[in-house]
Amino acid sequence: MTSSAKQASLAPDIVWASAVRVDASGQPCPQPLLSMRRALKQLAPGQILHLVATDPASQRDIRSFSALSGVPLLHAELRAETDGESFHYWLQQIDP
């Protein structure tokens, strides 16, 4: 199953390709979390944010942020890239 097919089966009403992408690759903790929070503030309620990070601590940070803030973490996955691993997160902005 391709990742787009897998994502579509998770939430068929979400247009994954329209997600605003934030690339925090190479940034150490806590920069991916801070980049994600800045970007979320710019989004309208319902918009999707796609965060890319290479810092393994982002797994803990993003999940904790989602649980504490109520911002839904729609999907998270680890991808093997030619230059190493990257972590991908899709979050949905909620009403402020």
Protein backbone atom coordinates (compact mmCIF):
# COMPACT_ATOMS: atom_id res chain seq x y z
CA MET A 1 0.00 0.00 0.00
CA THR A 2 1.41 3.41 -0.90
CA SER A 3 1.67 6.08 1.78
CA SER A 4 -0.97 8.21 0.04
CA ALA A 5 -3.35 5.25 -0.08
CA LYS A 6 -2.63 4.51 3.58
CA GLN A 7 -3.29 8.15 4.50
CA ALA A 8 -6.51 8.20 2.49
CA SER A 9 -7.73 5.14 4.38
CA LEU A 10 -6.97 6.85 7.71
CA ALA A 11 -9.12 9.91 7.03
CA PRO A 12 -10.79 9.90 3.61
CA ASP A 13 -12.21 13.43 3.93
CA ILE A 14 -8.76 15.07 4.33
CA VAL A 15 -6.89 16.39 1.30
CA TRP A 16 -3.37 15.39 2.33
CA ALA A 17 -1.71 17.06 -0.66
CA SER A 18 -2.98 20.46 0.48
CA ALA A 19 -1.02 20.30 3.75
CA VAL A 20 1.33 23.18 4.48
CA ARG A 21 4.80 21.64 4.66
CA VAL A 22 7.35 22.71 7.25
CA ASP A 23 10.80 21.19 6.80
CA ALA A 24 12.70 21.14 10.09
CA SER A 25 15.25 18.60 8.86
CA GLY A 26 18.62 18.99 10.53
CA GLN A 27 17.25 21.14 13.34
CA PRO A 28 18.03 19.92 16.88
CA CYS A 29 15.51 19.72 19.70
CA PRO A 30 13.45 21.83 20.39
CA GLN A 31 13.57 23.59 17.01
CA PRO A 32 11.20 21.21 15.12
CA LEU A 33 8.55 21.75 17.80
CA LEU A 34 9.03 25.51 17.74
CA SER A 35 8.88 25.60 13.92
CA MET A 36 5.68 23.56 14.01
CA ARG A 37 4.06 25.85 16.61
CA ARG A 38 4.94 29.00 14.61
CA ALA A 39 3.48 27.48 11.45
CA LEU A 40 0.27 26.34 13.20
CA LYS A 41 -0.38 29.91 14.33
CA GLN A 42 -0.50 30.95 10.66
CA LEU A 43 -3.08 28.32 9.67
CA ALA A 44 -6.84 28.65 9.63
CA PRO A 45 -8.88 26.14 11.65
CA GLY A 46 -9.12 22.84 9.78
CA GLN A 47 -5.94 23.34 7.74
CA ILE A 48 -3.34 20.57 7.79
CA LEU A 49 0.35 20.97 8.64
CA HIS A 50 2.95 18.46 7.45
CA LEU A 51 6.10 18.63 9.59
CA VAL A 52 9.32 16.91 8.50
CA ALA A 53 12.02 16.43 11.14
CA THR A 54 15.17 14.38 11.53
CA ASP A 55 15.57 14.79 15.29
CA PRO A 56 14.45 11.57 17.04
CA ALA A 57 13.25 13.61 20.03
CA SER A 58 10.55 15.07 17.78
CA GLN A 59 8.61 11.82 18.20
CA ARG A 60 8.13 12.51 21.90
CA ASP A 61 7.79 16.28 21.53
CA ILE A 62 5.11 16.29 18.81
CA ARG A 63 3.01 13.58 20.48
CA SER A 64 3.20 15.38 23.84
CA PHE A 65 2.29 18.70 22.24
CA SER A 66 -0.73 17.12 20.56
CA ALA A 67 -1.92 15.47 23.76
CA LEU A 68 -1.50 18.61 25.86
CA SER A 69 -2.79 21.18 23.35
CA GLY A 70 -5.64 19.24 21.79
CA VAL A 71 -4.23 19.82 18.29
CA PRO A 72 -4.96 16.53 16.51
CA LEU A 73 -1.98 14.48 15.34
CA LEU A 74 -3.64 12.87 12.32
CA HIS A 75 -0.75 10.69 11.22
CA ALA A 76 2.93 10.11 11.98
CA GLU A 77 5.43 7.97 10.12
CA LEU A 78 9.13 7.25 9.88
CA ARG A 79 10.58 7.28 6.38
CA ALA A 80 13.94 5.94 5.29
CA GLU A 81 15.60 8.50 3.03
CA THR A 82 18.85 8.22 1.10
CA ASP A 83 20.52 10.54 3.61
CA GLY A 84 18.99 8.97 6.75
CA GLU A 85 15.65 8.73 8.48
CA SER A 86 13.03 11.43 8.65
CA PHE A 87 9.94 11.73 10.78
CA HIS A 88 6.74 13.03 9.18
CA TYR A 89 3.79 14.39 11.15
CA TRP A 90 0.42 15.66 9.97
CA LEU A 91 -1.47 17.88 12.41
CA GLN A 92 -4.74 19.74 11.97
CA GLN A 93 -5.20 23.27 13.28
CA ILE A 94 -8.17 23.68 15.58
CA ASP A 95 -10.24 26.71 16.57
CA PRO A 96 -8.16 29.05 18.72
